[in-house]
Amino acid sequence: MNLIKNTLKGIFFVFGIMLGVRIFKNRKSDDMLYQEADIEPEIEKSTIVMKSQSLSSDLNNRQKRIIELIKEYGQVEMKLLRREFPDVTSRTLRRDLTKLSDENLIYKEGSTKAATYYLN
């Protein structure tokens, strides 16, 4: 019984690998067609637009204001954010910056207290 079970597992494993390779090759050839024609697939463009629209709706007003400040000044530091939002704790501002960074809207240079944030 174990021999049959192990044999079937092996067969399904090999079949899965073969199927994965075939899918990968087909995907690669589709990408090559787009490259040869020098066009981008329409689905990817619309997905990007929809994603950026949904991101802005997921942001709270403070996070949107942080983005505006970075656009205005080219960069922001925690010192500026604490002045801009005096009633908000540093921890909350760091959470906002982390969310914006996780969403790839901004990036950070420097370490904790000396960090500077820029738009992506």
C-alpha atoms as a PDB file:
ATOM      1  CA  MET A   1       0.000   0.000   0.000  1.00  0.00           C
ATOM      2  CA  ASN A   2       2.830   2.412   0.885  1.00  0.00           C
ATOM      3  CA  LEU A   3       4.597   1.556  -2.360  1.00  0.00           C
ATOM      4  CA  ILE A   4       1.520   2.521  -4.396  1.00  0.00           C
ATOM      5  CA  LYS A   5       1.038   5.683  -2.348  1.00  0.00           C
ATOM      6  CA  ASN A   6       4.678   6.746  -2.794  1.00  0.00           C
ATOM      7  CA  THR A   7       4.575   5.924  -6.507  1.00  0.00           C
ATOM      8  CA  LEU A   8       1.464   8.072  -6.970  1.00  0.00           C
ATOM      9  CA  LYS A   9       3.076  10.923  -5.022  1.00  0.00           C
ATOM     10  CA  GLY A  10       6.108  10.704  -7.293  1.00  0.00           C
ATOM     11  CA  ILE A  11       3.990  10.674 -10.432  1.00  0.00           C
ATOM     12  CA  PHE A  12       1.973  13.688  -9.279  1.00  0.00           C
ATOM     13  CA  PHE A  13       5.167  15.484  -8.282  1.00  0.00           C
ATOM     14  CA  VAL A  14       6.726  14.966 -11.712  1.00  0.00           C
ATOM     15  CA  PHE A  15       3.446  15.902 -13.409  1.00  0.00           C
ATOM     16  CA  GLY A  16       3.279  19.112 -11.345  1.00  0.00           C
ATOM     17  CA  ILE A  17       6.810  20.072 -12.322  1.00  0.00           C
ATOM     18  CA  MET A  18       6.116  19.392 -16.000  1.00  0.00           C
ATOM     19  CA  LEU A  19       2.928  21.450 -15.857  1.00  0.00           C
ATOM     20  CA  GLY A  20       4.746  24.307 -14.123  1.00  0.00           C
ATOM     21  CA  VAL A  21       7.511  24.303 -16.736  1.00  0.00           C
ATOM     22  CA  ARG A  22       4.953  24.363 -19.535  1.00  0.00           C
ATOM     23  CA  ILE A  23       3.066  27.270 -17.970  1.00  0.00           C
ATOM     24  CA  PHE A  24       6.343  29.137 -17.407  1.00  0.00           C
ATOM     25  CA  LYS A  25       7.410  28.626 -21.026  1.00  0.00           C
ATOM     26  CA  ASN A  26       4.026  29.810 -22.325  1.00  0.00           C
ATOM     27  CA  ARG A  27       4.158  32.888 -20.097  1.00  0.00           C
ATOM     28  CA  LYS A  28       7.697  33.624 -21.227  1.00  0.00           C
ATOM     29  CA  SER A  29       6.710  33.361 -24.892  1.00  0.00           C
ATOM     30  CA  ASP A  30       3.746  35.713 -24.286  1.00  0.00           C
ATOM     31  CA  ASP A  31       6.132  38.246 -22.740  1.00  0.00           C
ATOM     32  CA  MET A  32       8.447  37.902 -25.729  1.00  0.00           C
ATOM     33  CA  LEU A  33       5.559  38.632 -28.105  1.00  0.00           C
ATOM     34  CA  TYR A  34       4.836  41.865 -26.243  1.00  0.00           C
ATOM     35  CA  GLN A  35       8.515  42.821 -26.317  1.00  0.00           C
ATOM     36  CA  GLU A  36       8.813  42.136 -30.056  1.00  0.00           C
ATOM     37  CA  ALA A  37       5.737  44.220 -30.782  1.00  0.00           C
ATOM     38  CA  ASP A  38       7.012  46.892 -28.358  1.00  0.00           C
ATOM     39  CA  ILE A  39       3.643  47.092 -26.595  1.00  0.00           C
ATOM     40  CA  GLU A  40       2.481  46.522 -23.074  1.00  0.00           C
ATOM     41  CA  PRO A  41      -0.472  44.268 -22.288  1.00  0.00           C
ATOM     42  CA  GLU A  42      -3.605  46.338 -21.643  1.00  0.00           C
ATOM     43  CA  ILE A  43      -4.572  44.419 -18.516  1.00  0.00           C
ATOM     44  CA  GLU A  44      -1.396  45.408 -16.745  1.00  0.00           C
ATOM     45  CA  LYS A  45      -1.931  49.105 -17.512  1.00  0.00           C
ATOM     46  CA  SER A  46      -5.473  49.120 -16.188  1.00  0.00           C
ATOM     47  CA  THR A  47      -4.404  47.134 -13.143  1.00  0.00           C
ATOM     48  CA  ILE A  48      -1.767  49.729 -12.342  1.00  0.00           C
ATOM     49  CA  VAL A  49      -4.267  52.582 -12.672  1.00  0.00           C
ATOM     50  CA  MET A  50      -6.834  50.803 -10.518  1.00  0.00           C
ATOM     51  CA  LYS A  51      -4.206  49.991  -7.883  1.00  0.00           C
ATOM     52  CA  SER A  52      -3.029  53.594  -7.579  1.00  0.00           C
ATOM     53  CA  GLN A  53      -6.620  54.818  -7.285  1.00  0.00           C
ATOM     54  CA  SER A  54      -7.422  52.303  -4.568  1.00  0.00           C
ATOM     55  CA  LEU A  55      -4.248  53.211  -2.671  1.00  0.00           C
ATOM     56  CA  SER A  56      -5.247  56.848  -2.381  1.00  0.00           C
ATOM     57  CA  SER A  57      -8.648  55.851  -1.030  1.00  0.00           C
ATOM     58  CA  ASP A  58      -6.951  53.625   1.587  1.00  0.00           C
ATOM     59  CA  LEU A  59      -4.941  56.527   2.975  1.00  0.00           C
ATOM     60  CA  ASN A  60      -6.188  58.660   5.836  1.00  0.00           C
ATOM     61  CA  ASN A  61      -6.093  62.469   5.646  1.00  0.00           C
ATOM     62  CA  ARG A  62      -2.851  62.693   7.617  1.00  0.00           C
ATOM     63  CA  GLN A  63      -1.106  60.242   5.274  1.00  0.00           C
ATOM     64  CA  LYS A  64      -2.361  62.200   2.259  1.00  0.00           C
ATOM     65  CA  ARG A  65      -1.022  65.398   3.856  1.00  0.00           C
ATOM     66  CA  ILE A  66       2.374  63.730   4.392  1.00  0.00           C
ATOM     67  CA  ILE A  67       2.475  62.942   0.657  1.00  0.00           C
ATOM     68  CA  GLU A  68       1.580  66.580  -0.111  1.00  0.00           C
ATOM     69  CA  LEU A  69       4.373  67.796   2.183  1.00  0.00           C
ATOM     70  CA  ILE A  70       6.916  65.585   0.437  1.00  0.00           C
ATOM     71  CA  LYS A  71       5.726  66.921  -2.937  1.00  0.00           C
ATOM     72  CA  GLU A  72       5.994  70.479  -1.632  1.00  0.00           C
ATOM     73  CA  TYR A  73       9.431  70.194   0.025  1.00  0.00           C
ATOM     74  CA  GLY A  74      10.921  67.296  -1.949  1.00  0.00           C
ATOM     75  CA  GLN A  75      11.565  65.457   1.310  1.00  0.00           C
ATOM     76  CA  VAL A  76      10.404  65.394   4.928  1.00  0.00           C
ATOM     77  CA  GLU A  77      11.950  64.577   8.256  1.00  0.00           C
ATOM     78  CA  MET A  78      10.265  63.693  11.512  1.00  0.00           C
ATOM     79  CA  LYS A  79      10.963  67.184  12.878  1.00  0.00           C
ATOM     80  CA  LEU A  80       8.817  68.768  10.148  1.00  0.00           C
ATOM     81  CA  LEU A  81       6.034  66.221  10.626  1.00  0.00           C
ATOM     82  CA  ARG A  82       5.918  66.846  14.388  1.00  0.00           C
ATOM     83  CA  ARG A  83       5.558  70.587  13.715  1.00  0.00           C
ATOM     84  CA  GLU A  84       2.878  69.962  11.088  1.00  0.00           C
ATOM     85  CA  PHE A  85       0.929  67.557  13.335  1.00  0.00           C
ATOM     86  CA  PRO A  86       1.490  68.775  16.920  1.00  0.00           C
ATOM     87  CA  ASP A  87      -1.386  66.714  18.355  1.00  0.00           C
ATOM     88  CA  VAL A  88      -0.144  63.437  16.833  1.00  0.00           C
ATOM     89  CA  THR A  89       2.397  61.245  18.613  1.00  0.00           C
ATOM     90  CA  SER A  90       5.724  60.397  17.003  1.00  0.00           C
ATOM     91  CA  ARG A  91       4.747  56.729  17.119  1.00  0.00           C
ATOM     92  CA  THR A  92       1.597  57.377  15.065  1.00  0.00           C
ATOM     93  CA  LEU A  93       3.577  59.413  12.547  1.00  0.00           C
ATOM     94  CA  ARG A  94       6.078  56.548  12.231  1.00  0.00           C
ATOM     95  CA  ARG A  95       3.174  54.143  11.614  1.00  0.00           C
ATOM     96  CA  ASP A  96       1.892  56.461   8.880  1.00  0.00           C
ATOM     97  CA  LEU A  97       5.349  56.617   7.294  1.00  0.00           C
ATOM     98  CA  THR A  98       5.682  52.835   7.510  1.00  0.00           C
ATOM     99  CA  LYS A  99       2.332  52.354   5.775  1.00  0.00           C
ATOM    100  CA  LEU A 100       3.278  54.785   3.006  1.00  0.00           C
ATOM    101  CA  SER A 101       6.593  52.995   2.622  1.00  0.00           C
ATOM    102  CA  ASP A 102       4.912  49.566   2.567  1.00  0.00           C
ATOM    103  CA  GLU A 103       2.624  50.856  -0.191  1.00  0.00           C
ATOM    104  CA  ASN A 104       5.754  51.951  -2.130  1.00  0.00           C
ATOM    105  CA  LEU A 105       4.618  55.559  -2.168  1.00  0.00           C
ATOM    106  CA  ILE A 106       7.675  56.822  -0.287  1.00  0.00           C
ATOM    107  CA  TYR A 107      11.129  55.559   0.635  1.00  0.00           C
ATOM    108  CA  LYS A 108      13.379  56.244   3.584  1.00  0.00           C
ATOM    109  CA  GLU A 109      17.046  57.190   3.682  1.00  0.00           C
ATOM    110  CA  GLY A 110      18.968  57.193   6.925  1.00  0.00           C
ATOM    111  CA  SER A 111      18.365  55.638  10.289  1.00  0.00           C
ATOM    112  CA  THR A 112      15.608  56.175  12.813  1.00  0.00           C
ATOM    113  CA  LYS A 113      16.044  59.744  14.096  1.00  0.00           C
ATOM    114  CA  ALA A 114      18.041  60.995  11.123  1.00  0.00           C
ATOM    115  CA  ALA A 115      15.669  59.474   8.557  1.00  0.00           C
ATOM    116  CA  THR A 116      14.567  61.476   5.538  1.00  0.00           C
ATOM    117  CA  TYR A 117      11.569  60.424   3.451  1.00  0.00           C
ATOM    118  CA  TYR A 118      11.177  60.912  -0.304  1.00  0.00           C
ATOM    119  CA  LEU A 119       8.493  60.115  -2.879  1.00  0.00           C
ATOM    120  CA  ASN A 120       8.986  56.968  -4.927  1.00  0.00           C
END
